[in-house]
Protein backbone atom coordinates (compact mmCIF):
# COMPACT_ATOMS: atom_id res chain seq x y z
CA UNK A 1 0.00 0.00 0.00
CA UNK A 2 1.37 3.44 -0.95
CA UNK A 3 1.32 6.40 1.45
CA UNK A 4 -0.58 9.43 0.11
CA UNK A 5 -0.54 11.51 3.29
CA UNK A 6 1.64 14.45 4.28
CA UNK A 7 4.34 13.39 6.75
CA UNK A 8 5.63 15.94 9.25
CA UNK A 9 8.32 15.82 11.92
CA UNK A 10 8.43 18.15 14.90
CA UNK A 11 9.34 18.18 18.59
CA UNK A 12 10.37 14.52 18.79
CA UNK A 13 7.29 13.26 16.92
CA UNK A 14 6.41 12.16 13.39
CA UNK A 15 2.80 12.48 12.21
CA UNK A 16 0.75 11.58 9.15
CA UNK A 17 -1.77 14.19 7.97
CA UNK A 18 -4.54 13.65 5.42
CA UNK A 19 -3.87 16.34 2.76
CA UNK A 20 -7.58 16.69 1.87
CA UNK A 21 -9.16 16.97 5.32
CA UNK A 22 -6.14 18.10 7.35
CA UNK A 23 -6.95 15.44 9.97
CA UNK A 24 -4.19 13.58 11.76
CA UNK A 25 -4.06 9.91 10.74
CA UNK A 26 -1.39 8.80 13.21
CA UNK A 27 1.30 10.24 15.47
CA UNK A 28 4.43 8.47 16.71
CA UNK A 29 6.60 9.64 19.57
CA UNK A 30 10.25 8.87 18.81
CA UNK A 31 11.36 6.91 21.85
CA UNK A 32 14.24 4.65 22.74
CA UNK A 33 13.08 1.61 24.69
CA UNK A 34 14.58 1.22 28.13
CA UNK A 35 15.67 4.86 28.38
CA UNK A 36 13.30 6.96 30.42
CA UNK A 37 15.43 10.10 29.96
CA UNK A 38 15.04 9.78 26.20
CA UNK A 39 11.29 9.24 26.24
CA UNK A 40 10.18 12.33 24.34
CA UNK A 41 13.21 13.98 22.76
CA UNK A 42 11.63 17.17 24.05
CA UNK A 43 12.01 20.22 21.84
CA UNK A 44 14.20 18.44 19.30
CA UNK A 45 13.57 19.03 15.59
CA UNK A 46 12.99 15.98 13.38
CA UNK A 47 14.28 15.55 9.83
CA UNK A 48 12.38 13.11 7.61
CA UNK A 49 12.68 11.36 4.27
CA UNK A 50 10.12 8.91 2.92
CA UNK A 51 10.91 6.15 0.45
CA UNK A 52 9.05 3.02 -0.60
CA UNK A 53 6.69 2.94 2.39
CA UNK A 54 9.36 3.72 4.99
CA UNK A 55 9.84 7.04 6.78
CA UNK A 56 13.39 7.71 7.96
CA UNK A 57 13.39 10.16 10.85
CA UNK A 58 16.48 11.74 12.39
CA UNK A 59 16.28 13.36 15.81
CA UNK A 60 18.83 14.24 18.51
CA UNK A 61 21.56 12.11 16.95
CA UNK A 62 19.32 9.05 16.54
CA UNK A 63 17.88 7.52 13.37
CA UNK A 64 14.50 5.78 13.20
CA UNK A 65 12.64 3.90 10.46
CA UNK A 66 8.84 4.00 10.63
CA UNK A 67 6.16 2.26 8.62
CA UNK A 68 4.52 5.01 6.50
CA UNK A 69 1.01 3.55 6.78
CA UNK A 70 0.86 2.76 10.52
CA UNK A 71 3.62 4.93 12.02
CA UNK A 72 5.05 1.91 13.84
CA UNK A 73 8.79 2.15 14.58
CA UNK A 74 10.50 -0.60 12.57
CA UNK A 75 14.03 -0.02 13.84
CA UNK A 76 16.27 2.47 15.63
CA UNK A 77 19.99 3.26 15.36
CA UNK A 78 21.73 5.28 18.08
CA UNK A 79 24.49 6.43 15.69
CA UNK A 80 26.98 5.95 18.53
CA UNK A 81 29.87 8.38 18.58
CA UNK A 82 28.22 10.95 16.29
CA UNK A 83 26.84 13.21 19.02
CA UNK A 84 23.37 14.53 19.78
CA UNK A 85 22.45 17.04 17.13
CA UNK A 86 20.22 17.61 14.15
CA UNK A 87 20.58 15.01 11.41
CA UNK A 88 20.82 15.91 7.72
CA UNK A 89 19.97 13.00 5.41
CA UNK A 90 20.25 12.14 1.72
CA UNK A 91 18.75 8.95 0.30
CA UNK A 92 18.28 8.14 -3.38
CA UNK A 93 18.69 11.83 -4.24
CA UNK A 94 16.14 13.00 -1.64
CA UNK A 95 17.54 15.40 0.96
CA UNK A 96 16.24 16.47 4.33
CA UNK A 97 17.64 19.11 6.63
CA UNK A 98 16.14 20.90 9.59
CA UNK A 99 16.66 24.50 10.56
CA UNK A 100 16.44 24.99 14.28
CA UNK A 101 14.51 27.98 15.50
CA UNK A 102 12.95 28.59 18.86
CA UNK A 103 10.44 31.27 19.73
CA UNK A 104 10.72 33.09 23.00
CA UNK A 105 8.07 32.56 25.65
C-alpha atoms as a PDB file:
ATOM      1  CA  UNK A   1       0.000   0.000   0.000  1.00  0.00           C
ATOM      2  CA  UNK A   2       1.366   3.436  -0.949  1.00  0.00           C
ATOM      3  CA  UNK A   3       1.317   6.402   1.446  1.00  0.00           C
ATOM      4  CA  UNK A   4      -0.578   9.434   0.109  1.00  0.00           C
ATOM      5  CA  UNK A   5      -0.538  11.506   3.294  1.00  0.00           C
ATOM      6  CA  UNK A   6       1.635  14.448   4.280  1.00  0.00           C
ATOM      7  CA  UNK A   7       4.337  13.388   6.750  1.00  0.00           C
ATOM      8  CA  UNK A   8       5.629  15.938   9.254  1.00  0.00           C
ATOM      9  CA  UNK A   9       8.317  15.818  11.921  1.00  0.00           C
ATOM     10  CA  UNK A  10       8.432  18.147  14.903  1.00  0.00           C
ATOM     11  CA  UNK A  11       9.344  18.179  18.594  1.00  0.00           C
ATOM     12  CA  UNK A  12      10.374  14.517  18.789  1.00  0.00           C
ATOM     13  CA  UNK A  13       7.289  13.257  16.915  1.00  0.00           C
ATOM     14  CA  UNK A  14       6.409  12.156  13.393  1.00  0.00           C
ATOM     15  CA  UNK A  15       2.804  12.479  12.205  1.00  0.00           C
ATOM     16  CA  UNK A  16       0.754  11.580   9.149  1.00  0.00           C
ATOM     17  CA  UNK A  17      -1.767  14.193   7.970  1.00  0.00           C
ATOM     18  CA  UNK A  18      -4.541  13.653   5.417  1.00  0.00           C
ATOM     19  CA  UNK A  19      -3.865  16.340   2.759  1.00  0.00           C
ATOM     20  CA  UNK A  20      -7.584  16.692   1.867  1.00  0.00           C
ATOM     21  CA  UNK A  21      -9.159  16.974   5.323  1.00  0.00           C
ATOM     22  CA  UNK A  22      -6.136  18.102   7.349  1.00  0.00           C
ATOM     23  CA  UNK A  23      -6.948  15.438   9.966  1.00  0.00           C
ATOM     24  CA  UNK A  24      -4.187  13.585  11.758  1.00  0.00           C
ATOM     25  CA  UNK A  25      -4.062   9.910  10.743  1.00  0.00           C
ATOM     26  CA  UNK A  26      -1.390   8.799  13.213  1.00  0.00           C
ATOM     27  CA  UNK A  27       1.303  10.243  15.472  1.00  0.00           C
ATOM     28  CA  UNK A  28       4.429   8.474  16.712  1.00  0.00           C
ATOM     29  CA  UNK A  29       6.602   9.644  19.566  1.00  0.00           C
ATOM     30  CA  UNK A  30      10.247   8.875  18.807  1.00  0.00           C
ATOM     31  CA  UNK A  31      11.363   6.915  21.850  1.00  0.00           C
ATOM     32  CA  UNK A  32      14.236   4.654  22.738  1.00  0.00           C
ATOM     33  CA  UNK A  33      13.078   1.607  24.685  1.00  0.00           C
ATOM     34  CA  UNK A  34      14.584   1.221  28.131  1.00  0.00           C
ATOM     35  CA  UNK A  35      15.668   4.857  28.385  1.00  0.00           C
ATOM     36  CA  UNK A  36      13.295   6.961  30.421  1.00  0.00           C
ATOM     37  CA  UNK A  37      15.426  10.099  29.957  1.00  0.00           C
ATOM     38  CA  UNK A  38      15.038   9.776  26.199  1.00  0.00           C
ATOM     39  CA  UNK A  39      11.291   9.236  26.243  1.00  0.00           C
ATOM     40  CA  UNK A  40      10.177  12.328  24.344  1.00  0.00           C
ATOM     41  CA  UNK A  41      13.213  13.984  22.756  1.00  0.00           C
ATOM     42  CA  UNK A  42      11.626  17.174  24.050  1.00  0.00           C
ATOM     43  CA  UNK A  43      12.007  20.219  21.836  1.00  0.00           C
ATOM     44  CA  UNK A  44      14.197  18.445  19.300  1.00  0.00           C
ATOM     45  CA  UNK A  45      13.572  19.032  15.586  1.00  0.00           C
ATOM     46  CA  UNK A  46      12.986  15.980  13.380  1.00  0.00           C
ATOM     47  CA  UNK A  47      14.283  15.552   9.828  1.00  0.00           C
ATOM     48  CA  UNK A  48      12.381  13.105   7.613  1.00  0.00           C
ATOM     49  CA  UNK A  49      12.678  11.358   4.266  1.00  0.00           C
ATOM     50  CA  UNK A  50      10.117   8.906   2.918  1.00  0.00           C
ATOM     51  CA  UNK A  51      10.912   6.150   0.448  1.00  0.00           C
ATOM     52  CA  UNK A  52       9.049   3.024  -0.598  1.00  0.00           C
ATOM     53  CA  UNK A  53       6.693   2.936   2.390  1.00  0.00           C
ATOM     54  CA  UNK A  54       9.361   3.723   4.992  1.00  0.00           C
ATOM     55  CA  UNK A  55       9.844   7.035   6.784  1.00  0.00           C
ATOM     56  CA  UNK A  56      13.391   7.710   7.957  1.00  0.00           C
ATOM     57  CA  UNK A  57      13.395  10.162  10.855  1.00  0.00           C
ATOM     58  CA  UNK A  58      16.484  11.741  12.393  1.00  0.00           C
ATOM     59  CA  UNK A  59      16.281  13.356  15.806  1.00  0.00           C
ATOM     60  CA  UNK A  60      18.830  14.239  18.513  1.00  0.00           C
ATOM     61  CA  UNK A  61      21.558  12.106  16.953  1.00  0.00           C
ATOM     62  CA  UNK A  62      19.319   9.050  16.541  1.00  0.00           C
ATOM     63  CA  UNK A  63      17.884   7.519  13.369  1.00  0.00           C
ATOM     64  CA  UNK A  64      14.503   5.779  13.204  1.00  0.00           C
ATOM     65  CA  UNK A  65      12.642   3.900  10.459  1.00  0.00           C
ATOM     66  CA  UNK A  66       8.836   4.003  10.628  1.00  0.00           C
ATOM     67  CA  UNK A  67       6.155   2.258   8.621  1.00  0.00           C
ATOM     68  CA  UNK A  68       4.524   5.009   6.495  1.00  0.00           C
ATOM     69  CA  UNK A  69       1.008   3.546   6.781  1.00  0.00           C
ATOM     70  CA  UNK A  70       0.856   2.757  10.523  1.00  0.00           C
ATOM     71  CA  UNK A  71       3.616   4.933  12.018  1.00  0.00           C
ATOM     72  CA  UNK A  72       5.050   1.908  13.839  1.00  0.00           C
ATOM     73  CA  UNK A  73       8.789   2.154  14.582  1.00  0.00           C
ATOM     74  CA  UNK A  74      10.503  -0.604  12.574  1.00  0.00           C
ATOM     75  CA  UNK A  75      14.033  -0.018  13.839  1.00  0.00           C
ATOM     76  CA  UNK A  76      16.267   2.466  15.626  1.00  0.00           C
ATOM     77  CA  UNK A  77      19.992   3.259  15.357  1.00  0.00           C
ATOM     78  CA  UNK A  78      21.734   5.280  18.084  1.00  0.00           C
ATOM     79  CA  UNK A  79      24.488   6.434  15.690  1.00  0.00           C
ATOM     80  CA  UNK A  80      26.978   5.954  18.526  1.00  0.00           C
ATOM     81  CA  UNK A  81      29.870   8.377  18.575  1.00  0.00           C
ATOM     82  CA  UNK A  82      28.225  10.947  16.287  1.00  0.00           C
ATOM     83  CA  UNK A  83      26.835  13.209  19.016  1.00  0.00           C
ATOM     84  CA  UNK A  84      23.373  14.534  19.778  1.00  0.00           C
ATOM     85  CA  UNK A  85      22.446  17.044  17.134  1.00  0.00           C
ATOM     86  CA  UNK A  86      20.219  17.610  14.147  1.00  0.00           C
ATOM     87  CA  UNK A  87      20.582  15.009  11.406  1.00  0.00           C
ATOM     88  CA  UNK A  88      20.815  15.907   7.716  1.00  0.00           C
ATOM     89  CA  UNK A  89      19.969  12.996   5.412  1.00  0.00           C
ATOM     90  CA  UNK A  90      20.247  12.140   1.725  1.00  0.00           C
ATOM     91  CA  UNK A  91      18.748   8.953   0.301  1.00  0.00           C
ATOM     92  CA  UNK A  92      18.277   8.141  -3.380  1.00  0.00           C
ATOM     93  CA  UNK A  93      18.690  11.828  -4.240  1.00  0.00           C
ATOM     94  CA  UNK A  94      16.139  13.000  -1.644  1.00  0.00           C
ATOM     95  CA  UNK A  95      17.536  15.398   0.962  1.00  0.00           C
ATOM     96  CA  UNK A  96      16.242  16.469   4.327  1.00  0.00           C
ATOM     97  CA  UNK A  97      17.643  19.110   6.630  1.00  0.00           C
ATOM     98  CA  UNK A  98      16.139  20.895   9.592  1.00  0.00           C
ATOM     99  CA  UNK A  99      16.655  24.495  10.561  1.00  0.00           C
ATOM    100  CA  UNK A 100      16.437  24.995  14.285  1.00  0.00           C
ATOM    101  CA  UNK A 101      14.508  27.982  15.502  1.00  0.00           C
ATOM    102  CA  UNK A 102      12.952  28.590  18.863  1.00  0.00           C
ATOM    103  CA  UNK A 103      10.436  31.266  19.727  1.00  0.00           C
ATOM    104  CA  UNK A 104      10.718  33.092  23.001  1.00  0.00           C
ATOM    105  CA  UNK A 105       8.073  32.558  25.646  1.00  0.00           C
END
